[in-house]
N, C-alpha and C. Protein backbone atom coordinates (compact mmCIF):
# COMPACT_ATOMS: atom_id res chain seq x y z
N SER A 1 18.04 19.15 1.31
CA SER A 1 17.02 19.73 0.35
C SER A 1 15.87 20.40 1.17
N LYS A 2 15.28 21.17 0.13
CA LYS A 2 14.13 22.07 0.64
C LYS A 2 13.05 20.98 1.29
N ASN A 3 12.72 20.27 0.48
CA ASN A 3 11.66 19.12 0.74
C ASN A 3 11.84 18.34 2.11
N ASN A 4 13.44 18.00 2.36
CA ASN A 4 13.75 17.60 3.82
C ASN A 4 13.77 18.42 4.89
N GLU A 5 13.56 19.78 4.50
CA GLU A 5 13.74 20.93 5.58
C GLU A 5 12.53 21.14 5.88
N GLU A 6 11.44 21.12 4.88
CA GLU A 6 9.83 21.43 5.17
C GLU A 6 9.24 20.11 5.94
N LEU A 7 9.91 18.83 5.71
CA LEU A 7 9.42 17.49 6.52
C LEU A 7 9.76 17.76 7.73
N LYS A 8 11.30 18.02 8.13
CA LYS A 8 11.65 18.31 9.38
C LYS A 8 11.09 19.05 10.24
N ASP A 9 10.57 20.52 9.47
CA ASP A 9 9.61 21.24 10.45
C ASP A 9 8.36 21.12 10.90
N THR A 10 8.15 20.42 9.71
CA THR A 10 6.58 19.78 9.78
C THR A 10 6.41 18.73 11.13
N ILE A 11 7.41 17.66 11.22
CA ILE A 11 7.67 16.95 12.14
C ILE A 11 7.75 17.33 13.52
N GLU A 12 8.70 18.31 13.47
CA GLU A 12 8.79 19.14 14.84
C GLU A 12 7.45 19.98 15.38
N LYS A 13 6.90 20.70 14.35
CA LYS A 13 5.45 21.16 15.00
C LYS A 13 4.61 20.14 15.50
N LEU A 14 4.59 19.06 14.72
CA LEU A 14 3.40 17.86 15.13
C LEU A 14 3.92 17.26 16.49
N PHE A 15 5.21 16.95 16.67
CA PHE A 15 5.41 16.58 18.28
C PHE A 15 5.41 17.52 19.28
N LYS A 16 5.61 18.73 18.84
CA LYS A 16 5.52 20.11 19.76
C LYS A 16 3.86 20.10 20.06
N ASN A 17 3.10 19.79 19.01
CA ASN A 17 1.77 19.92 19.30
C ASN A 17 1.01 19.04 20.32
N ILE A 18 1.70 17.88 20.14
CA ILE A 18 1.31 16.46 21.08
C ILE A 18 1.78 16.42 22.21
N ASN A 19 2.88 17.38 22.54
CA ASN A 19 3.73 17.23 23.85
C ASN A 19 2.93 17.53 25.19
N GLY A 20 2.96 16.61 26.01
CA GLY A 20 2.41 16.76 27.22
C GLY A 20 1.07 16.22 27.25
N LYS A 21 0.51 15.56 25.94
CA LYS A 21 -1.04 15.05 25.67
C LYS A 21 -1.05 13.56 25.96
N THR A 22 -2.08 12.96 26.46
CA THR A 22 -2.16 11.52 26.44
C THR A 22 -2.39 10.98 25.41
N THR A 23 -2.53 9.76 25.22
CA THR A 23 -2.69 8.75 24.08
C THR A 23 -4.21 9.07 23.85
N ASP A 24 -4.90 9.43 24.54
CA ASP A 24 -6.70 9.59 24.26
C ASP A 24 -6.75 10.88 23.82
N GLN A 25 -5.71 11.83 24.08
CA GLN A 25 -6.06 13.14 23.37
C GLN A 25 -5.32 13.31 22.06
N VAL A 26 -4.31 12.68 21.77
CA VAL A 26 -3.93 12.63 20.38
C VAL A 26 -4.69 11.78 19.52
N LEU A 27 -4.87 12.44 18.46
CA LEU A 27 -5.75 11.73 17.15
C LEU A 27 -5.04 11.33 16.28
N ILE A 28 -5.56 10.03 15.62
CA ILE A 28 -5.11 9.50 14.43
C ILE A 28 -6.35 9.46 13.75
N ASN A 29 -6.63 10.01 12.41
CA ASN A 29 -7.71 9.86 11.82
C ASN A 29 -9.05 10.26 12.69
N LYS A 30 -9.13 11.10 13.41
CA LYS A 30 -10.17 11.43 14.45
C LYS A 30 -10.49 10.52 15.33
N THR A 31 -9.45 9.36 15.71
CA THR A 31 -9.42 8.56 16.82
C THR A 31 -8.49 8.47 17.69
N PRO A 32 -8.76 8.43 18.88
CA PRO A 32 -7.76 8.49 20.12
C PRO A 32 -6.52 7.47 19.68
N SER A 33 -5.29 8.02 19.68
CA SER A 33 -4.29 7.21 19.24
C SER A 33 -4.03 5.89 20.30
N SER A 34 -4.42 5.95 21.22
CA SER A 34 -4.66 4.78 22.40
C SER A 34 -5.01 3.19 21.77
N PHE A 35 -6.40 3.79 20.82
CA PHE A 35 -6.95 2.79 20.20
C PHE A 35 -5.92 1.91 19.04
N TYR A 36 -4.83 2.78 18.45
CA TYR A 36 -4.01 2.29 17.49
C TYR A 36 -3.06 1.52 18.41
N GLU A 37 -2.58 2.00 19.41
CA GLU A 37 -1.70 1.27 20.08
C GLU A 37 -2.13 -0.21 20.89
N ALA A 38 -3.41 -0.24 21.07
CA ALA A 38 -4.17 -1.50 21.36
C ALA A 38 -4.07 -2.09 20.17
N ALA A 39 -4.31 -1.93 19.16
CA ALA A 39 -4.49 -2.73 17.88
C ALA A 39 -2.84 -3.42 17.56
N VAL A 40 -1.89 -2.31 17.42
CA VAL A 40 -0.61 -2.52 17.10
C VAL A 40 -0.12 -3.39 18.17
N GLY A 41 -0.22 -3.63 19.24
CA GLY A 41 0.19 -4.65 20.35
C GLY A 41 1.58 -4.37 20.68
N GLN A 42 2.51 -5.32 19.91
CA GLN A 42 3.69 -5.23 20.00
C GLN A 42 4.57 -3.97 19.13
N ASN A 43 5.61 -3.56 19.40
CA ASN A 43 6.56 -2.68 18.97
C ASN A 43 5.56 -1.27 18.57
N GLN A 44 4.96 -0.92 19.41
CA GLN A 44 4.21 0.12 19.62
C GLN A 44 5.24 1.76 19.31
N ASN A 45 6.37 1.34 20.00
CA ASN A 45 7.35 2.51 19.75
C ASN A 45 7.96 2.58 18.44
N TYR A 46 7.82 1.71 17.61
CA TYR A 46 8.25 2.03 16.32
C TYR A 46 6.98 2.33 15.51
N TYR A 47 5.91 1.99 15.54
CA TYR A 47 4.73 2.30 14.74
C TYR A 47 3.99 3.69 14.91
N MET A 48 3.72 3.81 16.19
CA MET A 48 3.07 5.01 16.71
C MET A 48 3.68 6.33 16.21
N PRO A 49 4.97 6.59 16.48
CA PRO A 49 5.58 7.71 15.83
C PRO A 49 5.49 7.65 14.19
N ARG A 50 5.31 6.80 13.46
CA ARG A 50 5.17 6.73 12.23
C ARG A 50 3.97 7.07 11.78
N PHE A 51 3.01 6.38 12.47
CA PHE A 51 1.57 6.88 12.29
C PHE A 51 1.07 8.36 12.43
N LEU A 52 1.82 8.69 13.32
CA LEU A 52 1.74 10.30 13.58
C LEU A 52 2.33 11.18 12.57
N ILE A 53 3.51 10.77 12.15
CA ILE A 53 4.07 11.65 11.01
C ILE A 53 3.20 11.43 9.77
N MET A 54 2.72 10.32 9.54
CA MET A 54 1.90 10.13 8.38
C MET A 54 0.65 11.10 8.51
N GLU A 55 -0.03 11.08 9.50
CA GLU A 55 -1.06 11.77 9.76
C GLU A 55 -0.74 13.52 10.03
N GLY A 56 0.49 13.68 10.39
CA GLY A 56 0.50 15.30 10.41
C GLY A 56 1.28 15.74 9.18
N THR A 57 1.86 14.70 8.17
CA THR A 57 2.57 15.39 7.00
C THR A 57 1.99 14.69 5.78
N ASN A 58 0.95 13.70 5.78
CA ASN A 58 0.46 13.33 4.44
C ASN A 58 1.47 12.43 3.88
N LYS A 59 2.22 11.84 4.46
CA LYS A 59 3.53 11.18 4.04
C LYS A 59 3.03 9.72 3.89
N LYS A 60 3.01 9.13 2.78
CA LYS A 60 2.80 7.91 2.51
C LYS A 60 3.57 6.60 2.64
N SER A 61 5.00 7.05 2.24
CA SER A 61 5.92 6.12 2.21
C SER A 61 7.23 6.24 3.18
N LEU A 62 7.23 5.23 4.17
CA LEU A 62 8.01 4.99 5.09
C LEU A 62 8.70 3.87 4.87
N ILE A 63 10.25 3.64 4.88
CA ILE A 63 10.64 2.33 4.88
C ILE A 63 10.47 1.36 5.92
N ASN A 64 10.02 0.40 5.97
CA ASN A 64 9.79 -0.67 6.90
C ASN A 64 10.73 -1.77 6.40
N PHE A 65 12.16 -2.03 7.25
CA PHE A 65 13.18 -2.68 6.93
C PHE A 65 12.57 -4.22 6.91
N PHE A 66 11.93 -4.70 8.16
CA PHE A 66 11.46 -6.01 8.22
C PHE A 66 10.51 -6.34 7.28
N ALA A 67 9.58 -5.60 6.92
CA ALA A 67 8.91 -5.81 5.61
C ALA A 67 9.43 -6.04 4.57
N PHE A 68 10.47 -5.19 4.32
CA PHE A 68 11.43 -5.21 3.01
C PHE A 68 12.29 -6.37 2.99
N LEU A 69 12.71 -6.95 4.02
CA LEU A 69 13.59 -8.32 4.20
C LEU A 69 12.59 -9.57 4.01
N PHE A 70 11.79 -9.56 4.81
CA PHE A 70 10.77 -10.64 5.00
C PHE A 70 9.50 -10.26 4.77
N PRO A 71 8.98 -9.72 3.47
CA PRO A 71 7.70 -9.33 3.12
C PRO A 71 6.34 -10.60 3.63
N LEU A 72 6.54 -11.57 3.47
CA LEU A 72 5.71 -12.69 3.75
C LEU A 72 5.71 -12.96 5.77
N GLY A 73 6.73 -13.02 6.07
CA GLY A 73 6.78 -13.08 7.50
C GLY A 73 6.41 -11.84 8.38
N TRP A 74 6.49 -10.84 7.53
CA TRP A 74 6.09 -9.48 8.23
C TRP A 74 4.45 -9.57 8.05
N SER A 75 3.73 -9.72 6.84
CA SER A 75 2.67 -9.89 6.67
C SER A 75 1.77 -10.70 7.41
N VAL A 76 2.49 -11.98 7.68
CA VAL A 76 1.71 -12.79 8.54
C VAL A 76 1.64 -12.29 9.85
N TYR A 77 2.83 -11.83 10.53
CA TYR A 77 2.77 -11.60 11.89
C TYR A 77 2.24 -10.34 12.18
N ARG A 78 1.91 -9.26 11.04
CA ARG A 78 0.76 -8.29 11.47
C ARG A 78 -0.51 -8.58 11.05
N LYS A 79 -0.68 -9.78 10.98
CA LYS A 79 -2.06 -10.59 10.42
C LYS A 79 -2.66 -9.60 9.13
N MET A 80 -1.63 -9.40 8.23
CA MET A 80 -1.87 -8.47 6.81
C MET A 80 -2.23 -9.61 5.88
N TYR A 81 -3.32 -10.60 5.92
CA TYR A 81 -3.27 -11.85 5.68
C TYR A 81 -3.61 -11.55 3.74
N LYS A 82 -4.41 -10.78 3.53
CA LYS A 82 -4.47 -10.60 2.08
C LYS A 82 -3.11 -10.32 1.35
N LEU A 83 -2.25 -9.42 2.02
CA LEU A 83 -0.81 -9.02 1.46
C LEU A 83 0.02 -10.26 1.37
N ALA A 84 -0.28 -11.06 2.56
CA ALA A 84 0.33 -12.24 2.79
C ALA A 84 0.06 -13.32 1.47
N ILE A 85 -1.06 -13.64 1.37
CA ILE A 85 -1.43 -14.35 0.23
C ILE A 85 -1.09 -14.04 -1.08
N LEU A 86 -0.91 -12.63 -1.50
CA LEU A 86 -0.32 -12.06 -2.57
C LEU A 86 0.89 -12.41 -2.75
N VAL A 87 1.68 -11.98 -1.65
CA VAL A 87 3.17 -12.39 -1.86
C VAL A 87 3.35 -13.81 -1.75
N PHE A 88 2.71 -14.95 -1.30
CA PHE A 88 2.78 -16.13 -1.33
C PHE A 88 2.63 -16.46 -2.85
N CYS A 89 1.60 -16.07 -3.26
CA CYS A 89 1.12 -16.55 -4.76
C CYS A 89 2.32 -15.80 -6.01
N ILE A 90 3.14 -14.85 -5.43
CA ILE A 90 3.97 -14.23 -6.20
C ILE A 90 5.23 -15.30 -6.09
N TYR A 91 5.55 -15.61 -5.08
CA TYR A 91 6.61 -16.68 -4.66
C TYR A 91 6.41 -18.32 -5.53
N ILE A 92 5.33 -18.47 -5.35
CA ILE A 92 4.81 -19.74 -5.92
C ILE A 92 4.57 -19.46 -7.46
N ALA A 93 4.33 -18.48 -8.08
CA ALA A 93 4.68 -18.39 -9.64
C ALA A 93 5.85 -18.42 -10.01
N PHE A 94 6.78 -17.80 -9.28
CA PHE A 94 8.38 -17.65 -9.64
C PHE A 94 9.04 -18.99 -9.35
N MET A 95 8.36 -19.86 -8.63
CA MET A 95 9.20 -20.91 -8.20
C MET A 95 8.53 -22.02 -9.25
N GLY A 96 7.31 -21.60 -9.96
CA GLY A 96 6.69 -22.36 -11.22
C GLY A 96 7.69 -22.08 -12.50
N ILE A 97 8.29 -20.77 -12.33
CA ILE A 97 9.13 -20.40 -13.54
C ILE A 97 10.27 -21.15 -13.69
N SER A 98 10.90 -21.61 -12.59
CA SER A 98 12.07 -22.15 -12.19
C SER A 98 12.13 -23.68 -12.23
N VAL A 99 11.14 -24.13 -11.71
CA VAL A 99 10.90 -25.80 -11.54
C VAL A 99 9.84 -26.39 -12.59
N GLY A 100 8.88 -25.27 -12.98
CA GLY A 100 8.03 -25.84 -13.86
C GLY A 100 8.60 -26.70 -15.01
N PRO A 101 9.81 -25.89 -15.80
CA PRO A 101 10.23 -26.77 -17.03
C PRO A 101 10.77 -28.11 -16.75
N LEU A 102 11.03 -28.13 -15.42
CA LEU A 102 11.65 -29.46 -15.19
C LEU A 102 10.70 -30.58 -15.03
N LEU A 103 9.72 -30.13 -14.35
CA LEU A 103 8.42 -31.09 -14.24
C LEU A 103 7.90 -31.57 -15.32
N MET A 104 7.62 -30.66 -16.24
CA MET A 104 7.13 -30.84 -17.62
C MET A 104 7.84 -31.58 -18.63
N ASN A 105 9.04 -31.76 -18.18
CA ASN A 105 10.19 -32.53 -19.35
C ASN A 105 10.16 -33.95 -18.94
N ASP A 106 9.24 -34.67 -20.06
CA ASP A 106 9.13 -36.19 -19.61
C ASP A 106 10.42 -36.77 -19.68
N GLU A 107 11.55 -36.42 -20.47
CA GLU A 107 12.86 -37.27 -20.21
C GLU A 107 13.53 -36.98 -18.93
N ILE A 108 13.19 -35.98 -18.57
CA ILE A 108 13.88 -35.53 -17.15
C ILE A 108 13.23 -36.46 -16.13
N MET A 109 11.94 -36.46 -16.16
CA MET A 109 11.14 -37.06 -14.87
C MET A 109 11.59 -38.56 -14.98
N THR A 110 11.57 -38.99 -16.39
CA THR A 110 11.75 -40.54 -16.60
C THR A 110 13.04 -41.15 -16.07
N THR A 111 14.20 -40.19 -16.54
CA THR A 111 15.59 -40.26 -16.17
C THR A 111 15.86 -40.48 -14.57
N MET A 112 14.97 -39.36 -13.98
CA MET A 112 15.32 -39.17 -12.55
C MET A 112 14.54 -40.20 -11.78
N GLU A 113 13.39 -40.89 -12.31
CA GLU A 113 12.91 -41.98 -11.75
C GLU A 113 13.80 -43.13 -11.81
N GLN A 114 14.37 -43.46 -12.65
CA GLN A 114 15.09 -44.56 -13.07
C GLN A 114 16.32 -44.82 -12.23
N CYS A 115 17.00 -43.33 -12.23
CA CYS A 115 18.19 -43.03 -10.93
C CYS A 115 17.79 -43.01 -9.76
N VAL A 116 16.60 -43.04 -9.42
CA VAL A 116 16.30 -43.01 -7.73
C VAL A 116 15.98 -44.40 -7.66
N ILE A 117 15.52 -45.11 -8.58
CA ILE A 117 15.17 -46.66 -8.54
C ILE A 117 16.78 -47.24 -8.20
N ASP A 118 17.56 -47.05 -9.07
CA ASP A 118 19.00 -47.78 -9.26
C ASP A 118 19.64 -47.06 -7.79
N ASP A 119 19.65 -45.80 -7.37
CA ASP A 119 20.21 -45.19 -6.21
C ASP A 119 19.45 -44.09 -5.78
N PRO A 120 18.95 -44.39 -4.49
CA PRO A 120 17.79 -43.29 -3.70
C PRO A 120 18.79 -42.11 -3.51
N ASN A 121 20.08 -41.93 -3.60
CA ASN A 121 20.87 -41.11 -3.19
C ASN A 121 21.33 -40.30 -4.47
N THR A 122 20.58 -40.36 -5.46
CA THR A 122 20.84 -39.81 -6.86
C THR A 122 21.40 -38.31 -6.85
N MET A 123 20.21 -37.60 -6.09
CA MET A 123 20.33 -36.17 -6.05
C MET A 123 21.42 -35.52 -5.15
N GLN A 124 21.91 -36.44 -3.94
CA GLN A 124 23.05 -36.22 -3.34
C GLN A 124 24.38 -36.40 -4.04
N ASN A 125 24.23 -37.30 -4.80
CA ASN A 125 25.39 -37.64 -5.98
C ASN A 125 25.82 -36.36 -6.64
N ILE A 126 24.66 -35.94 -7.41
CA ILE A 126 24.82 -35.00 -8.43
C ILE A 126 25.19 -33.90 -7.71
N LEU A 127 24.71 -33.26 -6.56
CA LEU A 127 25.17 -32.09 -5.79
C LEU A 127 26.38 -32.16 -5.42
N ALA A 128 26.95 -33.50 -4.85
CA ALA A 128 28.26 -33.52 -4.53
C ALA A 128 29.29 -33.55 -5.89
N TYR A 129 28.77 -33.96 -6.72
CA TYR A 129 29.63 -34.10 -8.08
C TYR A 129 29.77 -32.66 -8.48
N GLN A 130 28.78 -31.72 -8.35
CA GLN A 130 28.61 -30.33 -9.12
C GLN A 130 29.39 -29.56 -7.98
N ASN A 131 29.69 -29.75 -6.66
CA ASN A 131 30.18 -29.21 -5.84
C ASN A 131 31.97 -29.45 -5.63
N GLY A 132 32.34 -30.53 -6.72
CA GLY A 132 33.63 -30.72 -6.86
C GLY A 132 34.16 -31.98 -6.06
N GLN A 133 33.14 -32.75 -5.59
CA GLN A 133 33.79 -33.72 -4.53
C GLN A 133 33.87 -34.81 -5.52
N SER A 134 34.69 -35.62 -5.23
CA SER A 134 35.19 -36.86 -5.73
C SER A 134 33.95 -38.10 -5.95
N VAL A 135 32.89 -37.81 -6.81
CA VAL A 135 31.83 -38.60 -6.69
C VAL A 135 31.93 -39.13 -8.26
N LYS A 136 31.77 -40.57 -8.28
CA LYS A 136 31.56 -41.21 -9.71
C LYS A 136 30.07 -41.67 -10.03
N LEU A 137 29.39 -40.83 -10.90
CA LEU A 137 27.91 -40.83 -11.42
C LEU A 137 28.00 -41.95 -12.37
N SER A 138 26.59 -42.56 -12.29
CA SER A 138 26.33 -43.60 -13.11
C SER A 138 25.96 -42.96 -14.57
N LYS A 139 25.79 -43.77 -15.51
CA LYS A 139 25.56 -43.50 -16.83
C LYS A 139 24.20 -42.67 -16.74
N ASN A 140 23.11 -43.15 -15.80
CA ASN A 140 21.89 -42.47 -15.95
C ASN A 140 21.99 -41.21 -15.25
N GLU A 141 22.91 -41.21 -14.31
CA GLU A 141 22.88 -39.87 -13.29
C GLU A 141 23.78 -38.97 -14.24
N ALA A 142 24.78 -39.18 -15.09
CA ALA A 142 25.26 -38.37 -15.92
C ALA A 142 24.48 -37.84 -16.85
N HIS A 143 23.56 -38.51 -17.53
CA HIS A 143 22.65 -38.21 -18.39
C HIS A 143 21.59 -36.99 -17.99
N LEU A 144 21.27 -37.35 -16.62
CA LEU A 144 20.11 -36.58 -15.93
C LEU A 144 20.77 -35.40 -15.91
N LEU A 145 22.00 -35.28 -15.18
CA LEU A 145 22.67 -33.93 -14.90
C LEU A 145 22.75 -33.23 -16.28
N ASN A 146 23.15 -33.93 -17.44
CA ASN A 146 23.40 -33.20 -18.73
C ASN A 146 21.61 -32.54 -19.05
N LEU A 147 20.73 -33.35 -18.78
CA LEU A 147 19.42 -32.83 -19.13
C LEU A 147 19.16 -31.50 -18.27
N LEU A 148 19.69 -31.65 -16.82
CA LEU A 148 19.21 -30.58 -16.13
C LEU A 148 19.69 -29.43 -16.30
N LYS A 149 21.21 -29.39 -16.72
CA LYS A 149 22.05 -28.12 -17.51
C LYS A 149 21.24 -27.50 -18.73
N GLN A 150 20.58 -28.40 -19.56
CA GLN A 150 20.06 -28.02 -20.78
C GLN A 150 18.85 -27.24 -20.43
N ALA A 151 18.13 -27.93 -19.43
CA ALA A 151 16.79 -26.98 -18.91
C ALA A 151 17.23 -25.73 -18.04
N GLU A 152 18.33 -25.34 -17.80
CA GLU A 152 18.39 -24.22 -17.12
C GLU A 152 17.92 -23.16 -17.73
N LEU A 153 17.44 -22.07 -16.72
CA LEU A 153 16.75 -21.14 -17.30
C LEU A 153 18.15 -19.95 -17.98
N PRO A 154 17.62 -19.33 -19.16
CA PRO A 154 18.75 -18.26 -19.77
C PRO A 154 19.09 -17.45 -18.34
N ASP A 155 20.31 -16.75 -18.46
CA ASP A 155 20.78 -16.01 -17.28
C ASP A 155 20.10 -14.67 -17.56
N SER A 156 19.49 -14.12 -18.49
CA SER A 156 18.54 -12.88 -18.55
C SER A 156 17.44 -13.37 -17.80
N VAL A 157 16.61 -14.28 -17.96
CA VAL A 157 15.55 -14.78 -17.11
C VAL A 157 15.63 -14.83 -15.71
N PHE A 158 16.93 -15.43 -15.30
CA PHE A 158 17.41 -15.78 -14.15
C PHE A 158 17.27 -14.30 -13.23
N ILE A 159 18.19 -13.41 -13.96
CA ILE A 159 18.41 -12.02 -13.34
C ILE A 159 17.12 -11.34 -13.19
N GLY A 160 16.34 -11.46 -14.23
CA GLY A 160 15.00 -10.73 -14.51
C GLY A 160 14.38 -10.97 -13.51
N LYS A 161 14.22 -12.52 -12.89
CA LYS A 161 13.15 -12.90 -11.83
C LYS A 161 13.43 -12.34 -10.46
N TYR A 162 14.91 -12.25 -10.39
CA TYR A 162 15.34 -11.77 -9.05
C TYR A 162 15.09 -10.23 -8.91
N VAL A 163 15.22 -9.65 -10.12
CA VAL A 163 15.29 -7.91 -10.22
C VAL A 163 13.90 -7.78 -9.75
N PHE A 164 12.97 -8.57 -10.56
CA PHE A 164 11.40 -8.21 -10.24
C PHE A 164 11.22 -8.61 -8.70
N LEU A 165 11.90 -9.60 -8.23
CA LEU A 165 11.35 -10.09 -6.55
C LEU A 165 11.75 -9.12 -5.84
N LEU A 166 12.90 -8.28 -6.16
CA LEU A 166 13.72 -7.07 -5.59
C LEU A 166 12.81 -5.99 -5.52
N GLY A 167 12.15 -5.78 -6.62
CA GLY A 167 11.30 -4.84 -6.82
C GLY A 167 9.86 -4.79 -6.01
N ILE A 168 9.44 -6.24 -6.12
CA ILE A 168 8.42 -6.24 -5.01
C ILE A 168 8.58 -5.76 -3.58
N ARG A 169 10.05 -6.60 -3.31
CA ARG A 169 10.19 -6.29 -1.53
C ARG A 169 10.27 -4.84 -1.71
N PHE A 170 11.08 -3.87 -2.44
CA PHE A 170 11.13 -2.42 -2.41
C PHE A 170 9.67 -1.81 -2.28
N PHE A 171 9.00 -2.32 -2.88
CA PHE A 171 7.50 -1.65 -3.01
C PHE A 171 6.99 -2.00 -1.53
N ILE A 172 6.88 -3.46 -1.11
CA ILE A 172 6.23 -3.53 0.00
C ILE A 172 7.04 -2.99 1.22
N GLY A 173 8.25 -2.77 1.48
CA GLY A 173 9.15 -2.17 2.27
C GLY A 173 8.67 -0.71 2.69
N LEU A 174 8.53 0.08 1.39
CA LEU A 174 8.14 1.41 1.09
C LEU A 174 6.51 1.60 1.88
N ASN A 175 5.88 0.87 1.50
CA ASN A 175 4.32 1.04 1.64
C ASN A 175 3.61 0.25 2.88
N ALA A 176 4.44 -0.65 3.21
CA ALA A 176 4.02 -1.45 4.41
C ALA A 176 3.32 -0.71 5.66
N THR A 177 3.87 0.12 6.01
CA THR A 177 3.43 0.98 7.14
C THR A 177 2.33 1.55 6.87
N ASN A 178 2.11 2.00 5.81
CA ASN A 178 0.69 2.85 5.22
C ASN A 178 -0.15 1.85 5.05
N LEU A 179 0.03 0.95 4.36
CA LEU A 179 -0.76 -0.39 4.32
C LEU A 179 -1.68 -0.94 5.45
N TYR A 180 -0.56 -1.05 6.58
CA TYR A 180 -0.87 -1.50 7.96
C TYR A 180 -1.52 -0.43 8.55
N LYS A 181 -1.40 0.90 8.51
CA LYS A 181 -2.15 1.81 9.13
C LYS A 181 -3.71 1.84 8.51
N LYS A 182 -3.72 1.92 7.46
CA LYS A 182 -5.07 1.81 6.67
C LYS A 182 -5.83 0.71 7.20
N LYS A 183 -5.32 -0.50 7.35
CA LYS A 183 -5.85 -1.65 7.62
C LYS A 183 -6.46 -1.39 9.29
N LEU A 184 -5.65 -0.90 9.91
CA LEU A 184 -5.97 -0.63 11.50
C LEU A 184 -7.26 0.66 11.47
N GLU A 185 -7.14 1.59 10.40
CA GLU A 185 -8.26 2.28 10.63
C GLU A 185 -9.62 1.72 10.17
N LYS A 186 -9.45 0.78 9.35
CA LYS A 186 -10.70 0.02 8.97
C LYS A 186 -11.22 -1.01 10.13
N ASN A 187 -10.32 -1.48 10.97
CA ASN A 187 -10.56 -2.42 11.86
C ASN A 187 -11.02 -1.58 13.13
N ILE A 188 -10.50 -0.34 13.25
CA ILE A 188 -10.72 0.34 14.55
C ILE A 188 -12.12 0.85 14.24
N LYS A 189 -12.22 1.39 13.11
CA LYS A 189 -13.89 1.88 12.71
C LYS A 189 -14.89 0.93 13.18
N LYS A 190 -14.35 -0.27 12.78
CA LYS A 190 -15.78 -1.39 13.20
C LYS A 190 -15.91 -1.81 14.65
N VAL A 191 -14.62 -1.50 15.37
CA VAL A 191 -14.64 -1.91 16.79
C VAL A 191 -15.29 -0.84 17.42
N MET A 192 -15.16 0.40 17.19
CA MET A 192 -15.81 1.79 17.72
C MET A 192 -17.29 1.57 17.60
N GLU A 193 -17.96 0.69 16.83
CA GLU A 193 -18.98 0.93 16.61
C GLU A 193 -19.72 -0.63 17.58
N LEU A 194 -19.02 -1.32 18.23
CA LEU A 194 -19.50 -2.37 19.09
C LEU A 194 -19.97 -1.92 20.39
N PRO A 195 -20.76 -2.45 21.10
CA PRO A 195 -21.20 -2.06 22.38
C PRO A 195 -20.37 -2.13 23.36
N LEU A 196 -19.35 -1.90 23.73
CA LEU A 196 -18.42 -1.96 24.41
C LEU A 196 -17.69 -0.70 25.13
N ASP A 197 -17.35 -0.73 26.42
CA ASP A 197 -16.69 0.57 26.80
C ASP A 197 -15.07 0.60 26.03
N ASP A 198 -14.52 1.83 26.36
CA ASP A 198 -13.25 1.71 25.84
C ASP A 198 -12.25 0.86 26.09
N ASN A 199 -12.20 0.48 27.29
CA ASN A 199 -11.38 -0.62 27.74
C ASN A 199 -11.48 -1.85 27.25
N GLY A 200 -12.86 -2.25 27.12
CA GLY A 200 -13.26 -3.43 26.30
C GLY A 200 -13.00 -3.20 24.78
N LYS A 201 -13.31 -2.38 24.22
CA LYS A 201 -12.90 -2.07 22.84
C LYS A 201 -11.45 -2.66 22.56
N LYS A 202 -10.50 -1.80 23.21
CA LYS A 202 -8.92 -2.01 23.14
C LYS A 202 -8.54 -3.34 23.57
N LYS A 203 -9.10 -4.00 24.23
CA LYS A 203 -8.64 -5.42 24.65
C LYS A 203 -9.17 -6.19 23.46
N PHE A 204 -10.45 -6.14 22.86
CA PHE A 204 -10.94 -6.64 21.69
C PHE A 204 -9.84 -6.43 20.48
N LEU A 205 -9.34 -5.07 20.41
CA LEU A 205 -8.42 -4.68 19.36
C LEU A 205 -7.10 -5.45 19.39
N LYS A 206 -6.64 -5.55 20.71
CA LYS A 206 -5.35 -6.24 20.80
C LYS A 206 -5.66 -7.93 20.71
N SER A 207 -6.79 -8.53 21.05
CA SER A 207 -6.72 -10.00 20.94
C SER A 207 -6.84 -10.27 19.48
N LYS A 208 -7.83 -9.56 18.67
CA LYS A 208 -8.12 -9.88 17.22
C LYS A 208 -7.26 -9.31 16.40
N TYR A 209 -6.84 -8.15 16.53
CA TYR A 209 -6.16 -7.30 15.48
C TYR A 209 -4.64 -7.17 15.86
N GLY A 210 -4.03 -7.99 17.06
CA GLY A 210 -2.73 -7.52 17.47
C GLY A 210 -1.76 -8.14 16.27
N VAL A 211 -1.21 -9.44 16.89
CA VAL A 211 -0.04 -9.82 15.90
C VAL A 211 -0.19 -11.39 16.11
N THR A 212 0.43 -12.09 15.35
CA THR A 212 0.46 -13.36 15.20
C THR A 212 1.74 -13.95 16.00
N PRO A 213 1.59 -15.11 16.59
CA PRO A 213 2.73 -15.55 17.54
C PRO A 213 3.90 -15.34 16.45
N MET A 214 5.05 -14.85 17.46
CA MET A 214 6.32 -14.54 16.82
C MET A 214 7.07 -15.91 15.94
N ALA A 215 6.92 -16.95 16.76
CA ALA A 215 7.33 -18.32 16.16
C ALA A 215 6.85 -18.37 14.72
N ILE A 216 5.85 -18.38 14.78
CA ILE A 216 5.21 -18.65 13.33
C ILE A 216 5.89 -17.63 12.22
N ALA A 217 5.87 -16.42 12.63
CA ALA A 217 6.58 -15.49 11.49
C ALA A 217 7.86 -15.76 11.30
N ILE A 218 8.72 -15.89 12.48
CA ILE A 218 9.95 -16.47 12.17
C ILE A 218 10.22 -17.53 11.52
N VAL A 219 9.37 -18.65 11.54
CA VAL A 219 9.61 -19.95 10.84
C VAL A 219 9.27 -19.25 9.04
N ILE A 220 8.29 -18.80 9.07
CA ILE A 220 8.10 -18.15 7.70
C ILE A 220 9.09 -17.36 7.16
N GLY A 221 9.78 -16.57 7.78
CA GLY A 221 10.52 -15.38 7.44
C GLY A 221 11.67 -16.50 7.10
N PHE A 222 12.22 -17.63 7.79
CA PHE A 222 13.44 -18.21 7.48
C PHE A 222 13.19 -19.03 6.02
N ILE A 223 11.68 -19.41 5.88
CA ILE A 223 11.61 -20.09 4.44
C ILE A 223 11.49 -18.77 3.46
N GLU A 224 11.71 -17.79 3.59
CA GLU A 224 11.69 -16.86 2.61
C GLU A 224 13.36 -16.79 2.35
């Protein structure tokens, strides 16, 4: 399309203009891009070209597949803690929609308590029964299973919940790189005012605004 051709031409001109320049000569938001490299830390080869494209084309939305697949894990890994808290709160809210009706149902909680007293493996028995295994449920377990089925969310609510969560993932995936760039711009602006030489500022950026240990992000990603 015409828009794609214009974007391609702009990108080609952008990289032609920076060809042969050092990262201290290439500017992002009037700041040498080497400071952005220091702040990004890991995966500079992924983010720096995208930052330059955004700077040269004023393009705001570039898909970030990791942020789309693991919005909470990515947010924590990139120290986007405000975004991480927002995503976490959304997850908790939707968990409440699923689990809340069960926890607030006195009959379910009372029956479950009695079942667990009779047999600590009650939930394993019910799950095995639902999976088609030859498990004989007690009277209380059968009653609990019936109550749980009655308390299930309607299909429309269940589908709507996951469509909304998918929409949240698409929004974060499309805007994550731009949000990350804006955060770095704000942090770099603060660091540039510190009484340090350029190397000191870059070391400070890398240590304070780099990335969270990968192991933590991976654990959070698996939880998602």
